[in-house]
Amino acid sequence: SAGKLGEIIITDNRGTGSGWSVTLTISDFTCCNGSFSIPAKNLTITPGEIETLKGSYSGVSAGSAYTLKSSSDLATIITANSNSGMGSYKINPDLTLLVPADAFAGKYSATLTITII
């Protein structure tokens, strides 16, 4: 199963040039009051293209496609090096979930956390 995460807009107007990083983690997908699950390690995140809304693209980069190793693993979405990233940037990652052939049918959910440091 595949889809878009949705647009993430990062605005750094601190004026310090200290750089930043956006990471993502997700819990296991669960269904039916926790009776069934699909592990977070079945999720691949592909950050995609960065759109510069304001500022310079220099020193700002998207992470690589990454398959999580566990529900505590972090995937890097976008980073700005020191003396870079002052402005606004938009990215809309692709998500691909490998649903096992033996997964029970149902409505699965997970908690996704995006952290900007």
PDB file of N, CA and C in Angstrom:
ATOM      1  N   SER A   1       0.856  -1.169   0.000  1.00  0.00           N
ATOM      2  CA  SER A   1       0.000   0.000   0.000  1.00  0.00           C
ATOM      3  C   SER A   1       0.904   1.235   0.000  1.00  0.00           C
ATOM      4  N   ALA A   2       0.566   2.250  -0.808  1.00  0.00           N
ATOM      5  CA  ALA A   2       1.416   3.433  -0.919  1.00  0.00           C
ATOM      6  C   ALA A   2       0.571   4.696  -0.912  1.00  0.00           C
ATOM      7  N   GLY A   3       1.186   5.792  -0.505  1.00  0.00           N
ATOM      8  CA  GLY A   3       0.521   7.081  -0.512  1.00  0.00           C
ATOM      9  C   GLY A   3       1.469   8.180  -0.090  1.00  0.00           C
ATOM     10  N   LYS A   4       0.961   9.389  -0.070  1.00  0.00           N
ATOM     11  CA  LYS A   4       1.730  10.555   0.356  1.00  0.00           C
ATOM     12  C   LYS A   4       1.476  10.814   1.837  1.00  0.00           C
ATOM     13  N   LEU A   5       2.491  11.265   2.545  1.00  0.00           N
ATOM     14  CA  LEU A   5       2.344  11.636   3.948  1.00  0.00           C
ATOM     15  C   LEU A   5       1.527  12.913   4.069  1.00  0.00           C
ATOM     16  N   GLY A   6       1.785  13.856   3.193  1.00  0.00           N
ATOM     17  CA  GLY A   6       1.194  15.193   3.282  1.00  0.00           C
ATOM     18  C   GLY A   6       2.335  16.187   3.404  1.00  0.00           C
ATOM     19  N   GLU A   7       2.062  17.398   2.998  1.00  0.00           N
ATOM     20  CA  GLU A   7       3.121  18.415   2.983  1.00  0.00           C
ATOM     21  C   GLU A   7       3.627  18.744   4.388  1.00  0.00           C
ATOM     22  N   ILE A   8       4.934  18.831   4.480  1.00  0.00           N
ATOM     23  CA  ILE A   8       5.599  19.305   5.696  1.00  0.00           C
ATOM     24  C   ILE A   8       6.274  20.603   5.295  1.00  0.00           C
ATOM     25  N   ILE A   9       5.982  21.673   6.005  1.00  0.00           N
ATOM     26  CA  ILE A   9       6.616  22.965   5.743  1.00  0.00           C
ATOM     27  C   ILE A   9       7.489  23.320   6.937  1.00  0.00           C
ATOM     28  N   ILE A  10       8.749  23.578   6.647  1.00  0.00           N
ATOM     29  CA  ILE A  10       9.721  23.947   7.679  1.00  0.00           C
ATOM     30  C   ILE A  10      10.080  25.408   7.459  1.00  0.00           C
ATOM     31  N   THR A  11       9.952  26.212   8.498  1.00  0.00           N
ATOM     32  CA  THR A  11      10.334  27.621   8.427  1.00  0.00           C
ATOM     33  C   THR A  11      11.341  27.890   9.532  1.00  0.00           C
ATOM     34  N   ASP A  12      12.523  28.323   9.139  1.00  0.00           N
ATOM     35  CA  ASP A  12      13.557  28.695  10.102  1.00  0.00           C
ATOM     36  C   ASP A  12      13.781  30.194   9.974  1.00  0.00           C
ATOM     37  N   ASN A  13      13.212  30.931  10.898  1.00  0.00           N
ATOM     38  CA  ASN A  13      13.384  32.387  10.906  1.00  0.00           C
ATOM     39  C   ASN A  13      14.128  32.840  12.160  1.00  0.00           C
ATOM     40  N   ARG A  14      14.920  31.927  12.734  1.00  0.00           N
ATOM     41  CA  ARG A  14      15.674  32.260  13.951  1.00  0.00           C
ATOM     42  C   ARG A  14      16.820  33.214  13.672  1.00  0.00           C
ATOM     43  N   GLY A  15      17.354  33.174  12.449  1.00  0.00           N
ATOM     44  CA  GLY A  15      18.464  34.054  12.101  1.00  0.00           C
ATOM     45  C   GLY A  15      19.804  33.613  12.651  1.00  0.00           C
ATOM     46  N   THR A  16      19.904  32.374  13.124  1.00  0.00           N
ATOM     47  CA  THR A  16      21.156  31.901  13.725  1.00  0.00           C
ATOM     48  C   THR A  16      22.015  31.095  12.755  1.00  0.00           C
ATOM     49  N   GLY A  17      21.398  30.526  11.715  1.00  0.00           N
ATOM     50  CA  GLY A  17      22.149  29.693  10.782  1.00  0.00           C
ATOM     51  C   GLY A  17      22.661  28.414  11.413  1.00  0.00           C
ATOM     52  N   SER A  18      22.015  27.957  12.485  1.00  0.00           N
ATOM     53  CA  SER A  18      22.524  26.780  13.200  1.00  0.00           C
ATOM     54  C   SER A  18      22.127  25.453  12.563  1.00  0.00           C
ATOM     55  N   GLY A  19      21.337  25.478  11.491  1.00  0.00           N
ATOM     56  CA  GLY A  19      20.928  24.248  10.836  1.00  0.00           C
ATOM     57  C   GLY A  19      19.814  23.553  11.592  1.00  0.00           C
ATOM     58  N   TRP A  20      19.282  22.502  11.006  1.00  0.00           N
ATOM     59  CA  TRP A  20      18.187  21.755  11.608  1.00  0.00           C
ATOM     60  C   TRP A  20      18.022  20.408  10.909  1.00  0.00           C
ATOM     61  N   SER A  21      17.215  19.555  11.518  1.00  0.00           N
ATOM     62  CA  SER A  21      16.951  18.226  10.973  1.00  0.00           C
ATOM     63  C   SER A  21      15.497  17.859  11.269  1.00  0.00           C
ATOM     64  N   VAL A  22      14.824  17.247  10.294  1.00  0.00           N
ATOM     65  CA  VAL A  22      13.457  16.764  10.463  1.00  0.00           C
ATOM     66  C   VAL A  22      13.495  15.244  10.346  1.00  0.00           C
ATOM     67  N   THR A  23      13.032  14.558  11.395  1.00  0.00           N
ATOM     68  CA  THR A  23      13.011  13.098  11.394  1.00  0.00           C
ATOM     69  C   THR A  23      11.589  12.604  11.652  1.00  0.00           C
ATOM     70  N   LEU A  24      11.386  11.334  11.333  1.00  0.00           N
ATOM     71  CA  LEU A  24      10.076  10.716  11.485  1.00  0.00           C
ATOM     72  C   LEU A  24      10.244   9.359  12.135  1.00  0.00           C
ATOM     73  N   THR A  25       9.345   9.018  13.020  1.00  0.00           N
ATOM     74  CA  THR A  25       9.261   7.671  13.579  1.00  0.00           C
ATOM     75  C   THR A  25       7.786   7.288  13.613  1.00  0.00           C
ATOM     76  N   ILE A  26       7.509   5.996  13.638  1.00  0.00           N
ATOM     77  CA  ILE A  26       6.121   5.541  13.639  1.00  0.00           C
ATOM     78  C   ILE A  26       6.004   4.282  14.490  1.00  0.00           C
ATOM     79  N   SER A  27       4.870   4.157  15.158  1.00  0.00           N
ATOM     80  CA  SER A  27       4.611   2.957  15.952  1.00  0.00           C
ATOM     81  C   SER A  27       4.230   1.804  15.022  1.00  0.00           C
ATOM     82  N   ASP A  28       4.148   0.614  15.561  1.00  0.00           N
ATOM     83  CA  ASP A  28       3.609  -0.500  14.786  1.00  0.00           C
ATOM     84  C   ASP A  28       2.154  -0.181  14.435  1.00  0.00           C
ATOM     85  N   PHE A  29       1.684  -0.695  13.321  1.00  0.00           N
ATOM     86  CA  PHE A  29       0.292  -0.521  12.909  1.00  0.00           C
ATOM     87  C   PHE A  29      -0.529  -1.591  13.634  1.00  0.00           C
ATOM     88  N   THR A  30      -1.610  -1.197  14.299  1.00  0.00           N
ATOM     89  CA  THR A  30      -2.419  -2.164  15.033  1.00  0.00           C
ATOM     90  C   THR A  30      -3.877  -2.097  14.585  1.00  0.00           C
ATOM     91  N   CYS A  31      -4.548  -3.202  14.806  1.00  0.00           N
ATOM     92  CA  CYS A  31      -5.947  -3.337  14.410  1.00  0.00           C
ATOM     93  C   CYS A  31      -6.711  -4.094  15.487  1.00  0.00           C
ATOM     94  N   CYS A  32      -7.988  -3.838  15.501  1.00  0.00           N
ATOM     95  CA  CYS A  32      -8.908  -4.681  16.269  1.00  0.00           C
ATOM     96  C   CYS A  32      -8.541  -4.721  17.754  1.00  0.00           C
ATOM     97  N   ASN A  33      -8.461  -3.533  18.355  1.00  0.00           N
ATOM     98  CA  ASN A  33      -8.101  -3.393  19.769  1.00  0.00           C
ATOM     99  C   ASN A  33      -6.747  -4.001  20.102  1.00  0.00           C
ATOM    100  N   GLY A  34      -5.809  -3.906  19.145  1.00  0.00           N
ATOM    101  CA  GLY A  34      -4.456  -4.394  19.368  1.00  0.00           C
ATOM    102  C   GLY A  34      -4.278  -5.881  19.144  1.00  0.00           C
ATOM    103  N   SER A  35      -5.318  -6.561  18.662  1.00  0.00           N
ATOM    104  CA  SER A  35      -5.231  -8.010  18.449  1.00  0.00           C
ATOM    105  C   SER A  35      -4.277  -8.381  17.323  1.00  0.00           C
ATOM    106  N   PHE A  36      -4.154  -7.508  16.311  1.00  0.00           N
ATOM    107  CA  PHE A  36      -3.305  -7.782  15.159  1.00  0.00           C
ATOM    108  C   PHE A  36      -2.387  -6.596  14.912  1.00  0.00           C
ATOM    109  N   SER A  37      -1.238  -6.853  14.303  1.00  0.00           N
ATOM    110  CA  SER A  37      -0.321  -5.742  14.016  1.00  0.00           C
ATOM    111  C   SER A  37       0.487  -6.000  12.748  1.00  0.00           C
ATOM    112  N   ILE A  38       0.950  -4.893  12.189  1.00  0.00           N
ATOM    113  CA  ILE A  38       1.913  -4.898  11.094  1.00  0.00           C
ATOM    114  C   ILE A  38       3.080  -4.076  11.613  1.00  0.00           C
ATOM    115  N   PRO A  39       4.287  -4.635  11.640  1.00  0.00           N
ATOM    116  CA  PRO A  39       5.422  -3.923  12.241  1.00  0.00           C
ATOM    117  C   PRO A  39       5.802  -2.652  11.473  1.00  0.00           C
ATOM    118  N   ALA A  40       6.279  -1.673  12.214  1.00  0.00           N
ATOM    119  CA  ALA A  40       6.767  -0.415  11.628  1.00  0.00           C
ATOM    120  C   ALA A  40       7.877  -0.692  10.621  1.00  0.00           C
ATOM    121  N   LYS A  41       8.615  -1.780  10.800  1.00  0.00           N
ATOM    122  CA  LYS A  41       9.723  -2.092   9.887  1.00  0.00           C
ATOM    123  C   LYS A  41       9.246  -2.431   8.479  1.00  0.00           C
ATOM    124  N   ASN A  42       7.949  -2.506   8.276  1.00  0.00           N
ATOM    125  CA  ASN A  42       7.396  -2.745   6.942  1.00  0.00           C
ATOM    126  C   ASN A  42       7.148  -1.436   6.192  1.00  0.00           C
ATOM    127  N   LEU A  43       7.500  -0.313   6.809  1.00  0.00           N
ATOM    128  CA  LEU A  43       7.260   1.000   6.202  1.00  0.00           C
ATOM    129  C   LEU A  43       8.540   1.573   5.603  1.00  0.00           C
ATOM    130  N   THR A  44       8.446   2.020   4.350  1.00  0.00           N
ATOM    131  CA  THR A  44       9.543   2.720   3.678  1.00  0.00           C
ATOM    132  C   THR A  44       9.112   4.161   3.441  1.00  0.00           C
ATOM    133  N   ILE A  45       9.988   5.094   3.782  1.00  0.00           N
ATOM    134  CA  ILE A  45       9.746   6.519   3.599  1.00  0.00           C
ATOM    135  C   ILE A  45      10.698   7.029   2.526  1.00  0.00           C
ATOM    136  N   THR A  46      10.134   7.685   1.514  1.00  0.00           N
ATOM    137  CA  THR A  46      10.930   8.307   0.466  1.00  0.00           C
ATOM    138  C   THR A  46      10.645   9.804   0.524  1.00  0.00           C
ATOM    139  N   PRO A  47      11.596  10.603   1.047  1.00  0.00           N
ATOM    140  CA  PRO A  47      11.333  12.024   1.259  1.00  0.00           C
ATOM    141  C   PRO A  47      10.907  12.798   0.012  1.00  0.00           C
ATOM    142  N   GLY A  48      11.518  12.533  -1.133  1.00  0.00           N
ATOM    143  CA  GLY A  48      11.120  13.231  -2.354  1.00  0.00           C
ATOM    144  C   GLY A  48      11.829  14.563  -2.534  1.00  0.00           C
ATOM    145  N   GLU A  49      11.231  15.386  -3.381  1.00  0.00           N
ATOM    146  CA  GLU A  49      11.827  16.672  -3.755  1.00  0.00           C
ATOM    147  C   GLU A  49      11.519  17.766  -2.735  1.00  0.00           C
ATOM    148  N   ILE A  50      12.470  18.655  -2.563  1.00  0.00           N
ATOM    149  CA  ILE A  50      12.302  19.823  -1.693  1.00  0.00           C
ATOM    150  C   ILE A  50      11.879  21.000  -2.556  1.00  0.00           C
ATOM    151  N   GLU A  51      10.893  21.732  -2.088  1.00  0.00           N
ATOM    152  CA  GLU A  51      10.510  22.980  -2.737  1.00  0.00           C
ATOM    153  C   GLU A  51      10.936  24.123  -1.815  1.00  0.00           C
ATOM    154  N   THR A  52      11.748  25.027  -2.340  1.00  0.00           N
ATOM    155  CA  THR A  52      12.171  26.189  -1.564  1.00  0.00           C
ATOM    156  C   THR A  52      11.098  27.263  -1.699  1.00  0.00           C
ATOM    157  N   LEU A  53      10.490  27.632  -0.587  1.00  0.00           N
ATOM    158  CA  LEU A  53       9.453  28.659  -0.594  1.00  0.00           C
ATOM    159  C   LEU A  53      10.056  30.045  -0.398  1.00  0.00           C
ATOM    160  N   LYS A  54      11.111  30.096   0.443  1.00  0.00           N
ATOM    161  CA  LYS A  54      11.802  31.351   0.712  1.00  0.00           C
ATOM    162  C   LYS A  54      13.182  30.995   1.225  1.00  0.00           C
ATOM    163  N   GLY A  55      14.204  31.678   0.758  1.00  0.00           N
ATOM    164  CA  GLY A  55      15.569  31.401   1.209  1.00  0.00           C
ATOM    165  C   GLY A  55      16.370  30.699   0.136  1.00  0.00           C
ATOM    166  N   SER A  56      17.470  30.111   0.548  1.00  0.00           N
ATOM    167  CA  SER A  56      18.395  29.450  -0.373  1.00  0.00           C
ATOM    168  C   SER A  56      18.322  27.940  -0.208  1.00  0.00           C
ATOM    169  N   TYR A  57      18.389  27.230  -1.330  1.00  0.00           N
ATOM    170  CA  TYR A  57      18.383  25.774  -1.330  1.00  0.00           C
ATOM    171  C   TYR A  57      19.751  25.218  -0.919  1.00  0.00           C
ATOM    172  N   SER A  58      20.787  26.007  -1.038  1.00  0.00           N
ATOM    173  CA  SER A  58      22.145  25.569  -0.727  1.00  0.00           C
ATOM    174  C   SER A  58      22.247  25.057   0.715  1.00  0.00           C
ATOM    175  N   GLY A  59      22.783  23.853   0.888  1.00  0.00           N
ATOM    176  CA  GLY A  59      22.976  23.282   2.217  1.00  0.00           C
ATOM    177  C   GLY A  59      21.762  22.569   2.774  1.00  0.00           C
ATOM    178  N   VAL A  60      20.650  22.542   2.034  1.00  0.00           N
ATOM    179  CA  VAL A  60      19.429  21.854   2.462  1.00  0.00           C
ATOM    180  C   VAL A  60      19.286  20.598   1.613  1.00  0.00           C
ATOM    181  N   SER A  61      19.057  19.450   2.248  1.00  0.00           N
ATOM    182  CA  SER A  61      18.958  18.208   1.471  1.00  0.00           C
ATOM    183  C   SER A  61      17.894  17.276   2.043  1.00  0.00           C
ATOM    184  N   ALA A  62      17.285  16.513   1.141  1.00  0.00           N
ATOM    185  CA  ALA A  62      16.306  15.498   1.530  1.00  0.00           C
ATOM    186  C   ALA A  62      17.046  14.233   1.937  1.00  0.00           C
ATOM    187  N   GLY A  63      16.454  13.484   2.845  1.00  0.00           N
ATOM    188  CA  GLY A  63      17.015  12.188   3.210  1.00  0.00           C
ATOM    189  C   GLY A  63      16.828  11.203   2.071  1.00  0.00           C
ATOM    190  N   SER A  64      17.432  10.059   2.188  1.00  0.00           N
ATOM    191  CA  SER A  64      17.301   8.987   1.191  1.00  0.00           C
ATOM    192  C   SER A  64      16.093   8.123   1.536  1.00  0.00           C
ATOM    193  N   ALA A  65      15.622   7.354   0.563  1.00  0.00           N
ATOM    194  CA  ALA A  65      14.567   6.379   0.839  1.00  0.00           C
ATOM    195  C   ALA A  65      15.062   5.474   1.967  1.00  0.00           C
ATOM    196  N   TYR A  66      14.193   5.195   2.931  1.00  0.00           N
ATOM    197  CA  TYR A  66      14.635   4.471   4.114  1.00  0.00           C
ATOM    198  C   TYR A  66      13.522   3.557   4.620  1.00  0.00           C
ATOM    199  N   THR A  67      13.862   2.299   4.865  1.00  0.00           N
ATOM    200  CA  THR A  67      12.938   1.355   5.485  1.00  0.00           C
ATOM    201  C   THR A  67      13.275   1.295   6.970  1.00  0.00           C
ATOM    202  N   LEU A  68      12.281   1.593   7.791  1.00  0.00           N
ATOM    203  CA  LEU A  68      12.508   1.590   9.235  1.00  0.00           C
ATOM    204  C   LEU A  68      12.925   0.210   9.723  1.00  0.00           C
ATOM    205  N   LYS A  69      13.716   0.178  10.771  1.00  0.00           N
ATOM    206  CA  LYS A  69      14.176  -1.087  11.349  1.00  0.00           C
ATOM    207  C   LYS A  69      13.301  -1.520  12.521  1.00  0.00           C
ATOM    208  N   SER A  70      12.601  -0.548  13.129  1.00  0.00           N
ATOM    209  CA  SER A  70      11.735  -0.827  14.284  1.00  0.00           C
ATOM    210  C   SER A  70      10.866   0.400  14.534  1.00  0.00           C
ATOM    211  N   SER A  71       9.991   0.296  15.526  1.00  0.00           N
ATOM    212  CA  SER A  71       9.126   1.426  15.861  1.00  0.00           C
ATOM    213  C   SER A  71       9.875   2.550  16.579  1.00  0.00           C
ATOM    214  N   SER A  72      11.116   2.325  16.983  1.00  0.00           N
ATOM    215  CA  SER A  72      11.892   3.387  17.626  1.00  0.00           C
ATOM    216  C   SER A  72      12.948   3.968  16.688  1.00  0.00           C
ATOM    217  N   ASP A  73      13.028   3.444  15.478  1.00  0.00           N
ATOM    218  CA  ASP A  73      13.999   3.903  14.487  1.00  0.00           C
ATOM    219  C   ASP A  73      13.560   5.250  13.904  1.00  0.00           C
ATOM    220  N   LEU A  74      14.520   6.087  13.546  1.00  0.00           N
ATOM    221  CA  LEU A  74      14.235   7.395  12.966  1.00  0.00           C
ATOM    222  C   LEU A  74      14.610   7.420  11.491  1.00  0.00           C
ATOM    223  N   ALA A  75      13.742   8.001  10.682  1.00  0.00           N
ATOM    224  CA  ALA A  75      14.043   8.235   9.273  1.00  0.00           C
ATOM    225  C   ALA A  75      14.260   9.730   9.095  1.00  0.00           C
ATOM    226  N   THR A  76      15.328  10.113   8.415  1.00  0.00           N
ATOM    227  CA  THR A  76      15.601  11.528   8.158  1.00  0.00           C
ATOM    228  C   THR A  76      14.829  11.964   6.926  1.00  0.00           C
ATOM    229  N   ILE A  77      14.053  13.027   7.075  1.00  0.00           N
ATOM    230  CA  ILE A  77      13.231  13.547   5.987  1.00  0.00           C
ATOM    231  C   ILE A  77      13.969  14.667   5.242  1.00  0.00           C
ATOM    232  N   ILE A  78      14.497  15.625   5.998  1.00  0.00           N
ATOM    233  CA  ILE A  78      15.169  16.785   5.398  1.00  0.00           C
ATOM    234  C   ILE A  78      16.109  17.387   6.442  1.00  0.00           C
ATOM    235  N   THR A  79      17.259  17.900   5.984  1.00  0.00           N
ATOM    236  CA  THR A  79      18.217  18.537   6.892  1.00  0.00           C
ATOM    237  C   THR A  79      18.762  19.822   6.278  1.00  0.00           C
ATOM    238  N   ALA A  80      19.235  20.680   7.153  1.00  0.00           N
ATOM    239  CA  ALA A  80      19.942  21.888   6.733  1.00  0.00           C
ATOM    240  C   ALA A  80      21.251  21.937   7.500  1.00  0.00           C
ATOM    241  N   ASN A  81      22.342  22.076   6.773  1.00  0.00           N
ATOM    242  CA  ASN A  81      23.660  22.176   7.396  1.00  0.00           C
ATOM    243  C   ASN A  81      23.784  23.492   8.151  1.00  0.00           C
ATOM    244  N   SER A  82      24.837  23.599   8.949  1.00  0.00           N
ATOM    245  CA  SER A  82      25.166  24.854   9.620  1.00  0.00           C
ATOM    246  C   SER A  82      25.317  25.958   8.583  1.00  0.00           C
ATOM    247  N   ASN A  83      24.875  27.153   8.905  1.00  0.00           N
ATOM    248  CA  ASN A  83      24.898  28.314   8.010  1.00  0.00           C
ATOM    249  C   ASN A  83      24.007  28.128   6.782  1.00  0.00           C
ATOM    250  N   SER A  84      22.994  27.276   6.897  1.00  0.00           N
ATOM    251  CA  SER A  84      22.054  27.007   5.813  1.00  0.00           C
ATOM    252  C   SER A  84      20.648  26.879   6.397  1.00  0.00           C
ATOM    253  N   GLY A  85      19.667  26.787   5.514  1.00  0.00           N
ATOM    254  CA  GLY A  85      18.304  26.479   5.934  1.00  0.00           C
ATOM    255  C   GLY A  85      17.515  27.625   6.502  1.00  0.00           C
ATOM    256  N   MET A  86      18.032  28.837   6.388  1.00  0.00           N
ATOM    257  CA  MET A  86      17.258  29.981   6.874  1.00  0.00           C
ATOM    258  C   MET A  86      16.261  30.350   5.780  1.00  0.00           C
ATOM    259  N   GLY A  87      14.980  30.142   6.069  1.00  0.00           N
ATOM    260  CA  GLY A  87      13.920  30.369   5.100  1.00  0.00           C
ATOM    261  C   GLY A  87      12.808  29.365   5.311  1.00  0.00           C
ATOM    262  N   SER A  88      12.052  29.064   4.242  1.00  0.00           N
ATOM    263  CA  SER A  88      10.938  28.111   4.311  1.00  0.00           C
ATOM    264  C   SER A  88      11.086  27.074   3.203  1.00  0.00           C
ATOM    265  N   TYR A  89      10.800  25.828   3.567  1.00  0.00           N
ATOM    266  CA  TYR A  89      10.971  24.702   2.656  1.00  0.00           C
ATOM    267  C   TYR A  89       9.775  23.761   2.801  1.00  0.00           C
ATOM    268  N   LYS A  90       9.403  23.127   1.684  1.00  0.00           N
ATOM    269  CA  LYS A  90       8.273  22.200   1.693  1.00  0.00           C
ATOM    270  C   LYS A  90       8.711  20.866   1.099  1.00  0.00           C
ATOM    271  N   ILE A  91       8.214  19.787   1.715  1.00  0.00           N
ATOM    272  CA  ILE A  91       8.502  18.437   1.243  1.00  0.00           C
ATOM    273  C   ILE A  91       7.259  17.578   1.500  1.00  0.00           C
ATOM    274  N   ASN A  92       7.003  16.607   0.641  1.00  0.00           N
ATOM    275  CA  ASN A  92       5.821  15.744   0.771  1.00  0.00           C
ATOM    276  C   ASN A  92       6.249  14.285   0.557  1.00  0.00           C
ATOM    277  N   PRO A  93       6.708  13.619   1.625  1.00  0.00           N
ATOM    278  CA  PRO A  93       7.255  12.264   1.490  1.00  0.00           C
ATOM    279  C   PRO A  93       6.232  11.222   1.018  1.00  0.00           C
ATOM    280  N   ASP A  94       6.754  10.226   0.297  1.00  0.00           N
ATOM    281  CA  ASP A  94       5.967   9.052  -0.083  1.00  0.00           C
ATOM    282  C   ASP A  94       6.135   7.996   1.007  1.00  0.00           C
ATOM    283  N   LEU A  95       5.065   7.280   1.289  1.00  0.00           N
ATOM    284  CA  LEU A  95       5.088   6.184   2.248  1.00  0.00           C
ATOM    285  C   LEU A  95       4.659   4.912   1.533  1.00  0.00           C
ATOM    286  N   THR A  96       5.385   3.829   1.767  1.00  0.00           N
ATOM    287  CA  THR A  96       5.022   2.539   1.210  1.00  0.00           C
ATOM    288  C   THR A  96       5.018   1.519   2.343  1.00  0.00           C
ATOM    289  N   LEU A  97       3.869   0.889   2.561  1.00  0.00           N
ATOM    290  CA  LEU A  97       3.737  -0.119   3.610  1.00  0.00           C
ATOM    291  C   LEU A  97       3.591  -1.491   2.965  1.00  0.00           C
ATOM    292  N   LEU A  98       4.490  -2.387   3.324  1.00  0.00           N
ATOM    293  CA  LEU A  98       4.418  -3.769   2.857  1.00  0.00           C
ATOM    294  C   LEU A  98       3.460  -4.515   3.787  1.00  0.00           C
ATOM    295  N   VAL A  99       2.303  -4.856   3.260  1.00  0.00           N
ATOM    296  CA  VAL A  99       1.304  -5.576   4.053  1.00  0.00           C
ATOM    297  C   VAL A  99       1.547  -7.078   3.851  1.00  0.00           C
ATOM    298  N   PRO A 100       1.866  -7.785   4.936  1.00  0.00           N
ATOM    299  CA  PRO A 100       2.150  -9.215   4.813  1.00  0.00           C
ATOM    300  C   PRO A 100       0.945  -9.977   4.255  1.00  0.00           C
ATOM    301  N   ALA A 101       1.209 -11.046   3.525  1.00  0.00           N
ATOM    302  CA  ALA A 101       0.146 -11.864   2.938  1.00  0.00           C
ATOM    303  C   ALA A 101      -0.755 -12.469   4.005  1.00  0.00           C
ATOM    304  N   ASP A 102      -0.216 -12.675   5.202  1.00  0.00           N
ATOM    305  CA  ASP A 102      -1.014 -13.295   6.267  1.00  0.00           C
ATOM    306  C   ASP A 102      -1.630 -12.275   7.233  1.00  0.00           C
ATOM    307  N   ALA A 103      -1.640 -10.975   6.843  1.00  0.00           N
ATOM    308  CA  ALA A 103      -2.231  -9.941   7.699  1.00  0.00           C
ATOM    309  C   ALA A 103      -3.748 -10.085   7.723  1.00  0.00           C
ATOM    310  N   PHE A 104      -4.333  -9.968   8.881  1.00  0.00           N
ATOM    311  CA  PHE A 104      -5.781 -10.010   9.023  1.00  0.00           C
ATOM    312  C   PHE A 104      -6.394  -8.730   8.472  1.00  0.00           C
ATOM    313  N   ALA A 105      -7.543  -8.842   7.833  1.00  0.00           N
ATOM    314  CA  ALA A 105      -8.242  -7.670   7.303  1.00  0.00           C
ATOM    315  C   ALA A 105      -8.742  -6.812   8.455  1.00  0.00           C
ATOM    316  N   GLY A 106      -8.727  -5.505   8.257  1.00  0.00           N
ATOM    317  CA  GLY A 106      -9.224  -4.592   9.274  1.00  0.00           C
ATOM    318  C   GLY A 106      -8.674  -3.206   9.054  1.00  0.00           C
ATOM    319  N   LYS A 107      -9.061  -2.289   9.906  1.00  0.00           N
ATOM    320  CA  LYS A 107      -8.610  -0.904   9.844  1.00  0.00           C
ATOM    321  C   LYS A 107      -7.431  -0.747  10.809  1.00  0.00           C
ATOM    322  N   TYR A 108      -6.232  -0.595  10.245  1.00  0.00           N
ATOM    323  CA  TYR A 108      -5.016  -0.479  11.041  1.00  0.00           C
ATOM    324  C   TYR A 108      -4.680   0.993  11.255  1.00  0.00           C
ATOM    325  N   SER A 109      -4.082   1.294  12.398  1.00  0.00           N
ATOM    326  CA  SER A 109      -3.631   2.668  12.653  1.00  0.00           C
ATOM    327  C   SER A 109      -2.289   2.635  13.356  1.00  0.00           C
ATOM    328  N   ALA A 110      -1.583   3.757  13.255  1.00  0.00           N
ATOM    329  CA  ALA A 110      -0.271   3.896  13.884  1.00  0.00           C
ATOM    330  C   ALA A 110      -0.110   5.353  14.289  1.00  0.00           C
ATOM    331  N   THR A 111       0.811   5.609  15.194  1.00  0.00           N
ATOM    332  CA  THR A 111       1.124   6.980  15.594  1.00  0.00           C
ATOM    333  C   THR A 111       2.431   7.383  14.962  1.00  0.00           C
ATOM    334  N   LEU A 112       2.374   8.423  14.152  1.00  0.00           N
ATOM    335  CA  LEU A 112       3.534   8.948  13.455  1.00  0.00           C
ATOM    336  C   LEU A 112       3.994  10.214  14.173  1.00  0.00           C
ATOM    337  N   THR A 113       5.291  10.311  14.438  1.00  0.00           N
ATOM    338  CA  THR A 113       5.840  11.479  15.123  1.00  0.00           C
ATOM    339  C   THR A 113       6.899  12.120  14.244  1.00  0.00           C
ATOM    340  N   ILE A 114       6.736  13.418  13.997  1.00  0.00           N
ATOM    341  CA  ILE A 114       7.710  14.195  13.236  1.00  0.00           C
ATOM    342  C   ILE A 114       8.413  15.116  14.220  1.00  0.00           C
ATOM    343  N   THR A 115       9.746  15.094  14.213  1.00  0.00           N
ATOM    344  CA  THR A 115      10.534  15.908  15.140  1.00  0.00           C
ATOM    345  C   THR A 115      11.437  16.840  14.351  1.00  0.00           C
ATOM    346  N   ILE A 116      11.453  18.109  14.733  1.00  0.00           N
ATOM    347  CA  ILE A 116      12.349  19.089  14.136  1.00  0.00           C
ATOM    348  C   ILE A 116      13.313  19.539  15.219  1.00  0.00           C
ATOM    349  N   ILE A 117      14.595  19.359  14.947  1.00  0.00           N
ATOM    350  CA  ILE A 117      15.636  19.753  15.908  1.00  0.00           C
ATOM    351  C   ILE A 117      16.577  20.722  15.221  1.00  0.00           C
TER     352      ILE A 117
END
